[in-house]
Amino acid sequence: MRGIDKSGVLITGGCGDIGLAVARRFLQAGARVMLADVMNLEKGAALLKKKLNSRNAGFVCQAQWIDEQWPFAENLLIAE
């Protein structure tokens, strides 16, 4: 993947096998990733740490609460 270094990516269904695989590819290309899923925050954060272990993918949320959590996610997704 070219041209996405330091880009922000939102992946819905991100805690499933396919979502995690997509997240890995974006991370390898230098993007910052936010995963959204219906998994609770504690389980999602543990899964993220175990499967991706990247400081550029440090946010997992319950998809139904994304409006409340978006301000925090913007810091990850918007280029500095």
N, C-alpha and C. Protein backbone atom coordinates (compact mmCIF):
# COMPACT_ATOMS: atom_id res chain seq x y z
N MET A 1 0.85 -1.18 0.00
CA MET A 1 0.00 0.00 0.00
C MET A 1 0.89 1.23 0.00
N ARG A 2 0.68 2.08 -0.96
CA ARG A 2 1.49 3.28 -1.04
C ARG A 2 0.67 4.51 -0.71
N GLY A 3 1.33 5.52 -0.18
CA GLY A 3 0.69 6.81 0.05
C GLY A 3 -0.20 6.90 1.28
N ILE A 4 -0.09 5.94 2.19
CA ILE A 4 -0.94 6.02 3.38
C ILE A 4 -0.13 6.21 4.67
N ASP A 5 1.17 6.36 4.53
CA ASP A 5 2.00 6.59 5.70
C ASP A 5 1.46 7.77 6.51
N LYS A 6 1.25 7.56 7.79
CA LYS A 6 0.75 8.55 8.73
C LYS A 6 -0.71 8.94 8.49
N SER A 7 -1.42 8.19 7.66
CA SER A 7 -2.86 8.41 7.47
C SER A 7 -3.63 7.77 8.62
N GLY A 8 -4.84 8.25 8.86
CA GLY A 8 -5.71 7.65 9.86
C GLY A 8 -6.72 6.74 9.20
N VAL A 9 -6.94 5.56 9.80
CA VAL A 9 -7.84 4.57 9.23
C VAL A 9 -8.81 4.10 10.30
N LEU A 10 -10.10 4.07 9.98
CA LEU A 10 -11.12 3.53 10.87
C LEU A 10 -11.59 2.21 10.28
N ILE A 11 -11.50 1.13 11.08
CA ILE A 11 -11.91 -0.20 10.63
C ILE A 11 -13.07 -0.65 11.50
N THR A 12 -14.25 -0.79 10.90
CA THR A 12 -15.39 -1.31 11.64
C THR A 12 -15.32 -2.84 11.62
N GLY A 13 -15.81 -3.46 12.68
CA GLY A 13 -15.66 -4.91 12.82
C GLY A 13 -14.20 -5.27 13.00
N GLY A 14 -13.45 -4.35 13.57
CA GLY A 14 -12.00 -4.47 13.64
C GLY A 14 -11.46 -5.53 14.57
N CYS A 15 -12.27 -6.08 15.46
CA CYS A 15 -11.77 -7.09 16.40
C CYS A 15 -11.93 -8.51 15.88
N GLY A 16 -12.51 -8.66 14.72
CA GLY A 16 -12.62 -9.99 14.10
C GLY A 16 -11.34 -10.33 13.36
N ASP A 17 -11.25 -11.56 12.86
CA ASP A 17 -10.04 -12.00 12.17
C ASP A 17 -9.72 -11.15 10.95
N ILE A 18 -10.72 -10.86 10.14
CA ILE A 18 -10.49 -10.06 8.93
C ILE A 18 -10.11 -8.63 9.29
N GLY A 19 -10.84 -8.04 10.24
CA GLY A 19 -10.54 -6.67 10.66
C GLY A 19 -9.13 -6.54 11.21
N LEU A 20 -8.69 -7.51 12.01
CA LEU A 20 -7.33 -7.49 12.55
C LEU A 20 -6.28 -7.66 11.45
N ALA A 21 -6.58 -8.50 10.46
CA ALA A 21 -5.65 -8.69 9.34
C ALA A 21 -5.52 -7.40 8.53
N VAL A 22 -6.64 -6.73 8.30
CA VAL A 22 -6.61 -5.45 7.58
C VAL A 22 -5.83 -4.42 8.38
N ALA A 23 -6.07 -4.38 9.69
CA ALA A 23 -5.36 -3.44 10.56
C ALA A 23 -3.86 -3.68 10.50
N ARG A 24 -3.44 -4.94 10.52
CA ARG A 24 -2.01 -5.26 10.44
C ARG A 24 -1.38 -4.70 9.15
N ARG A 25 -2.09 -4.87 8.04
CA ARG A 25 -1.56 -4.37 6.76
C ARG A 25 -1.42 -2.85 6.77
N PHE A 26 -2.44 -2.16 7.29
CA PHE A 26 -2.36 -0.70 7.36
C PHE A 26 -1.23 -0.26 8.29
N LEU A 27 -1.08 -0.94 9.42
CA LEU A 27 0.00 -0.61 10.34
C LEU A 27 1.37 -0.82 9.70
N GLN A 28 1.51 -1.91 8.96
CA GLN A 28 2.78 -2.18 8.27
C GLN A 28 3.10 -1.09 7.26
N ALA A 29 2.05 -0.49 6.70
CA ALA A 29 2.24 0.57 5.70
C ALA A 29 2.44 1.93 6.36
N GLY A 30 2.37 2.00 7.69
CA GLY A 30 2.64 3.23 8.40
C GLY A 30 1.43 4.04 8.81
N ALA A 31 0.23 3.51 8.63
CA ALA A 31 -0.99 4.23 9.02
C ALA A 31 -1.25 4.09 10.51
N ARG A 32 -2.08 4.97 11.02
CA ARG A 32 -2.59 4.87 12.39
C ARG A 32 -4.00 4.29 12.27
N VAL A 33 -4.35 3.38 13.16
CA VAL A 33 -5.58 2.62 13.01
C VAL A 33 -6.47 2.74 14.24
N MET A 34 -7.75 2.92 14.02
CA MET A 34 -8.76 2.85 15.07
C MET A 34 -9.70 1.70 14.73
N LEU A 35 -9.87 0.79 15.67
CA LEU A 35 -10.78 -0.33 15.48
C LEU A 35 -12.09 -0.05 16.20
N ALA A 36 -13.20 -0.28 15.52
CA ALA A 36 -14.51 -0.14 16.13
C ALA A 36 -15.19 -1.50 16.07
N ASP A 37 -15.79 -1.91 17.17
CA ASP A 37 -16.46 -3.21 17.23
C ASP A 37 -17.45 -3.17 18.38
N VAL A 38 -18.29 -4.20 18.48
CA VAL A 38 -19.26 -4.26 19.57
C VAL A 38 -18.68 -4.90 20.82
N MET A 39 -17.45 -5.33 20.77
CA MET A 39 -16.77 -5.91 21.92
C MET A 39 -16.61 -4.84 23.01
N ASN A 40 -16.71 -5.24 24.28
CA ASN A 40 -16.54 -4.23 25.33
C ASN A 40 -15.09 -3.73 25.36
N LEU A 41 -14.91 -2.58 25.98
CA LEU A 41 -13.61 -1.90 25.94
C LEU A 41 -12.47 -2.73 26.51
N GLU A 42 -12.71 -3.41 27.63
CA GLU A 42 -11.64 -4.18 28.26
C GLU A 42 -11.18 -5.34 27.36
N LYS A 43 -12.14 -6.09 26.83
CA LYS A 43 -11.79 -7.21 25.95
C LYS A 43 -11.13 -6.72 24.68
N GLY A 44 -11.68 -5.63 24.13
CA GLY A 44 -11.12 -5.08 22.90
C GLY A 44 -9.69 -4.60 23.09
N ALA A 45 -9.44 -3.90 24.19
CA ALA A 45 -8.08 -3.40 24.46
C ALA A 45 -7.10 -4.56 24.66
N ALA A 46 -7.54 -5.60 25.35
CA ALA A 46 -6.67 -6.77 25.57
C ALA A 46 -6.38 -7.47 24.24
N LEU A 47 -7.39 -7.60 23.40
CA LEU A 47 -7.20 -8.23 22.09
C LEU A 47 -6.25 -7.41 21.23
N LEU A 48 -6.43 -6.10 21.25
CA LEU A 48 -5.58 -5.21 20.47
C LEU A 48 -4.12 -5.35 20.90
N LYS A 49 -3.89 -5.37 22.19
CA LYS A 49 -2.52 -5.49 22.69
C LYS A 49 -1.91 -6.84 22.32
N LYS A 50 -2.70 -7.90 22.45
CA LYS A 50 -2.20 -9.24 22.16
C LYS A 50 -1.95 -9.46 20.67
N LYS A 51 -2.88 -9.02 19.83
CA LYS A 51 -2.80 -9.34 18.40
C LYS A 51 -2.00 -8.32 17.58
N LEU A 52 -2.08 -7.04 17.95
CA LEU A 52 -1.41 -6.02 17.13
C LEU A 52 -0.19 -5.42 17.81
N ASN A 53 -0.26 -5.19 19.11
CA ASN A 53 0.85 -4.66 19.89
C ASN A 53 1.55 -3.49 19.19
N SER A 54 0.77 -2.49 18.86
CA SER A 54 1.31 -1.31 18.18
C SER A 54 0.81 -0.05 18.86
N ARG A 55 1.68 0.91 19.06
CA ARG A 55 1.23 2.16 19.67
C ARG A 55 0.43 3.00 18.68
N ASN A 56 0.44 2.64 17.41
CA ASN A 56 -0.36 3.33 16.41
C ASN A 56 -1.76 2.74 16.26
N ALA A 57 -2.10 1.78 17.10
CA ALA A 57 -3.43 1.18 17.10
C ALA A 57 -3.92 1.08 18.54
N GLY A 58 -3.92 2.21 19.21
CA GLY A 58 -4.18 2.19 20.63
C GLY A 58 -5.59 2.49 21.06
N PHE A 59 -6.57 2.29 20.19
CA PHE A 59 -7.93 2.65 20.56
C PHE A 59 -8.92 1.63 20.04
N VAL A 60 -9.73 1.11 20.91
CA VAL A 60 -10.78 0.17 20.55
C VAL A 60 -12.06 0.66 21.21
N CYS A 61 -13.18 0.62 20.52
CA CYS A 61 -14.41 1.12 21.14
C CYS A 61 -15.59 0.23 20.78
N GLN A 62 -16.63 0.36 21.56
CA GLN A 62 -17.89 -0.28 21.21
C GLN A 62 -18.53 0.58 20.14
N ALA A 63 -18.89 -0.01 19.03
CA ALA A 63 -19.36 0.77 17.88
C ALA A 63 -20.57 1.62 18.21
N GLN A 64 -21.43 1.15 19.10
CA GLN A 64 -22.64 1.93 19.40
C GLN A 64 -22.32 3.20 20.19
N TRP A 65 -21.12 3.32 20.72
CA TRP A 65 -20.75 4.51 21.49
C TRP A 65 -19.77 5.40 20.74
N ILE A 66 -19.63 5.20 19.45
CA ILE A 66 -18.59 5.91 18.71
C ILE A 66 -18.77 7.42 18.75
N ASP A 67 -20.02 7.91 18.81
CA ASP A 67 -20.23 9.36 18.89
C ASP A 67 -19.60 9.94 20.14
N GLU A 68 -19.72 9.24 21.26
CA GLU A 68 -19.14 9.72 22.51
C GLU A 68 -17.62 9.63 22.49
N GLN A 69 -17.08 8.64 21.81
CA GLN A 69 -15.65 8.39 21.85
C GLN A 69 -14.89 9.05 20.70
N TRP A 70 -15.60 9.60 19.73
CA TRP A 70 -14.93 10.15 18.55
C TRP A 70 -13.88 11.20 18.88
N PRO A 71 -14.14 12.14 19.82
CA PRO A 71 -13.09 13.13 20.10
C PRO A 71 -11.75 12.51 20.49
N PHE A 72 -11.78 11.39 21.20
CA PHE A 72 -10.55 10.71 21.58
C PHE A 72 -9.92 10.03 20.37
N ALA A 73 -10.76 9.47 19.51
CA ALA A 73 -10.27 8.78 18.32
C ALA A 73 -9.64 9.74 17.32
N GLU A 74 -10.17 10.94 17.25
CA GLU A 74 -9.63 11.92 16.30
C GLU A 74 -8.15 12.16 16.52
N ASN A 75 -7.71 12.15 17.77
CA ASN A 75 -6.29 12.35 18.06
C ASN A 75 -5.43 11.28 17.41
N LEU A 76 -5.96 10.07 17.32
CA LEU A 76 -5.22 8.98 16.69
C LEU A 76 -5.29 9.06 15.17
N LEU A 77 -6.45 9.42 14.64
CA LEU A 77 -6.66 9.35 13.20
C LEU A 77 -6.16 10.56 12.42
N ILE A 78 -6.17 11.72 13.01
CA ILE A 78 -5.79 12.93 12.28
C ILE A 78 -4.27 13.10 12.34
N ALA A 79 -3.71 13.33 11.18
CA ALA A 79 -2.24 13.48 11.08
C ALA A 79 -1.77 14.67 11.90
N GLU A 80 -0.63 14.49 12.49
CA GLU A 80 -0.03 15.55 13.31
C GLU A 80 0.72 16.53 12.46
